Protein backbone atom coordinates (compact mmCIF):
# COMPACT_ATOMS: atom_id res chain seq x y z
CA UNK A 1 120.02 91.88 76.79
CA UNK A 2 116.84 93.96 76.90
CA UNK A 3 113.66 92.48 75.51
CA UNK A 4 111.71 94.33 72.85
CA UNK A 5 109.02 95.14 75.44
CA UNK A 6 111.56 96.58 77.91
CA UNK A 7 113.14 98.64 75.12
CA UNK A 8 109.77 100.00 74.00
CA UNK A 9 108.78 100.79 77.58
CA UNK A 10 112.06 102.65 78.13
CA UNK A 11 111.41 104.72 74.99
CA UNK A 12 107.87 105.49 76.16
CA UNK A 13 109.10 106.56 79.60
CA UNK A 14 111.70 108.81 77.97
CA UNK A 15 109.04 110.39 75.75
CA UNK A 16 106.74 110.92 78.75
CA UNK A 17 109.57 112.53 80.73
CA UNK A 18 110.18 114.87 77.80
CA UNK A 19 106.53 115.97 78.09
CA UNK A 20 106.77 116.76 81.83
CA UNK A 21 107.94 120.36 81.27
CA UNK A 22 105.13 120.91 78.76
CA UNK A 23 102.74 119.46 81.34
CA UNK A 24 103.74 122.18 83.83
CA UNK A 25 102.86 124.83 81.23
CA UNK A 26 99.50 123.20 80.54
CA UNK A 27 98.62 123.08 84.24
CA UNK A 28 99.09 126.85 84.43
CA UNK A 29 96.86 127.63 81.44
CA UNK A 30 93.15 126.72 81.76
CA UNK A 31 92.40 127.24 78.05
CA UNK A 32 95.33 125.09 76.97
CA UNK A 33 94.29 122.38 79.40
CA UNK A 34 90.68 122.32 78.22
CA UNK A 35 91.83 122.10 74.58
CA UNK A 36 94.12 119.24 75.56
CA UNK A 37 91.18 117.41 77.17
CA UNK A 38 89.04 117.92 74.03
CA UNK A 39 91.83 116.76 71.70
CA UNK A 40 92.54 113.77 73.95
CA UNK A 41 88.88 112.70 73.98
CA UNK A 42 88.75 112.88 70.17
CA UNK A 43 91.91 110.81 69.88
CA UNK A 44 90.64 108.17 72.34
CA UNK A 45 87.88 107.27 69.92
CA UNK A 46 90.56 106.14 67.45
CA UNK A 47 92.72 104.04 69.79
CA UNK A 48 92.09 100.28 69.80
CA UNK A 49 91.38 98.46 73.07
CA UNK A 50 90.77 101.66 75.06
CA UNK A 51 87.39 100.39 76.17
CA UNK A 52 88.93 98.13 78.77
CA UNK A 53 90.59 101.12 80.47
CA UNK A 54 88.01 103.80 79.70
CA UNK A 55 86.83 104.18 83.29
CA UNK A 56 90.39 104.61 84.58
CA UNK A 57 91.08 107.17 81.86
CA UNK A 58 87.96 109.10 82.88
CA UNK A 59 89.04 109.00 86.53
CA UNK A 60 92.51 110.21 85.57
CA UNK A 61 91.08 113.18 83.66
CA UNK A 62 88.70 113.95 86.52
CA UNK A 63 91.59 113.88 88.98
CA UNK A 64 93.57 116.32 86.84
CA UNK A 65 90.59 118.68 86.61
CA UNK A 66 89.97 118.49 90.37
CA UNK A 67 93.64 119.18 91.02
CA UNK A 68 93.63 122.22 88.72
CA UNK A 69 90.52 123.58 90.47
CA UNK A 70 92.25 122.94 93.83
CA UNK A 71 89.39 120.67 94.88
CA UNK A 72 91.67 117.66 95.23
CA UNK A 73 95.25 118.29 96.30
CA UNK A 74 96.01 115.06 98.14
CA UNK A 75 98.20 113.87 95.28
CA UNK A 76 101.80 114.51 94.39
CA UNK A 77 102.31 117.02 91.60
CA UNK A 78 104.53 114.43 89.88
CA UNK A 79 101.47 112.17 89.46
CA UNK A 80 99.50 115.01 87.90
CA UNK A 81 102.40 115.96 85.64
CA UNK A 82 102.80 112.35 84.51
CA UNK A 83 99.08 112.13 83.72
CA UNK A 84 99.17 115.39 81.74
CA UNK A 85 102.34 114.24 79.98
CA UNK A 86 100.44 111.13 78.87
CA UNK A 87 97.62 113.28 77.46
CA UNK A 88 100.17 115.37 75.57
CA UNK A 89 101.82 112.21 74.23
CA UNK A 90 98.54 110.81 72.95
CA UNK A 91 97.49 114.08 71.31
CA UNK A 92 100.86 114.49 69.55
CA UNK A 93 100.52 112.86 66.11
CA UNK A 94 104.32 112.55 65.73
CA UNK A 95 105.28 110.40 68.72
CA UNK A 96 107.30 107.16 68.74
CA UNK A 97 105.10 105.64 66.05
CA UNK A 98 103.49 108.43 63.98
CA UNK A 99 99.70 108.20 63.96
CA UNK A 100 99.53 108.11 60.17
CA UNK A 101 101.29 104.69 60.03
CA UNK A 102 98.43 102.33 59.09
CA UNK A 103 97.55 99.65 61.60
CA UNK A 104 100.16 100.52 64.24
CA UNK A 105 100.19 104.31 64.50
CA UNK A 106 97.98 104.34 67.58
CA UNK A 107 99.45 101.35 69.40
CA UNK A 108 102.11 103.43 71.16
CA UNK A 109 99.39 105.84 72.32
CA UNK A 110 97.50 102.97 73.92
CA UNK A 111 100.73 101.68 75.45
CA UNK A 112 101.58 105.11 76.88
CA UNK A 113 98.15 105.47 78.50
CA UNK A 114 98.29 101.90 79.81
CA UNK A 115 101.76 102.45 81.28
CA UNK A 116 100.78 105.69 83.01
CA UNK A 117 97.55 104.20 84.37
CA UNK A 118 99.61 101.36 85.79
CA UNK A 119 102.11 103.81 87.33
CA UNK A 120 99.45 105.98 89.00
CA UNK A 121 96.99 103.21 89.86
CA UNK A 122 97.27 103.74 93.64
CA UNK A 123 96.70 107.49 93.25
CA UNK A 124 93.63 106.84 91.11
CA UNK A 125 92.22 104.52 93.78
CA UNK A 126 92.82 107.17 96.47
CA UNK A 127 91.08 109.74 94.27
CA UNK A 128 88.09 107.43 93.71
CA UNK A 129 87.81 106.96 97.47
CA UNK A 130 88.01 110.75 97.97
CA UNK A 131 85.26 111.20 95.36
CA UNK A 132 82.98 108.75 97.16
CA UNK A 133 83.67 110.27 100.59
CA UNK A 134 82.95 113.79 99.27
CA UNK A 135 79.88 112.98 97.17
CA UNK A 136 81.70 113.68 93.91
CA UNK A 137 80.76 110.37 92.28
C-alpha cells in the first residue's frame, strides 16, 4: 500500500511531466520565459518555507537563463525542462491544490519546487562549480 507521501509525490511527478512539453515551448520563446521568471518570483513571495531553499531556487533560475543564452550547456536538456516545468507548475494557480484554498493552496507548490531541487541537486552543484570557475559568481 502506498503512503500518502508517496501518492502525493507520484501526483506531483505526473503534473511535472505534463508540463515538460510546455517547458520546451517556453525555452524557445525569450519573452515567454522572462514572463515566467517574473511570475515565478512574485509567487515565491507567497510560498511558506521557501527561505530555506531560496539560494538553490536562485541557482536553478540562473542555470536556466545561462542555458538559454548558451553560456552553460554542460547539462542535460531533461534537467532544464524539469526545472522549467517546476516554474510552470508553481505559476499555475490551478494545480493539484488550487492556490485559492486557504492555508494549503501553496503547499503543493513548495513541494514541487523541493522535489525538483532534490532531483537536480547534482546538476545545480556542477553549475555552481562552473560559475565559480568562470567568474560568474
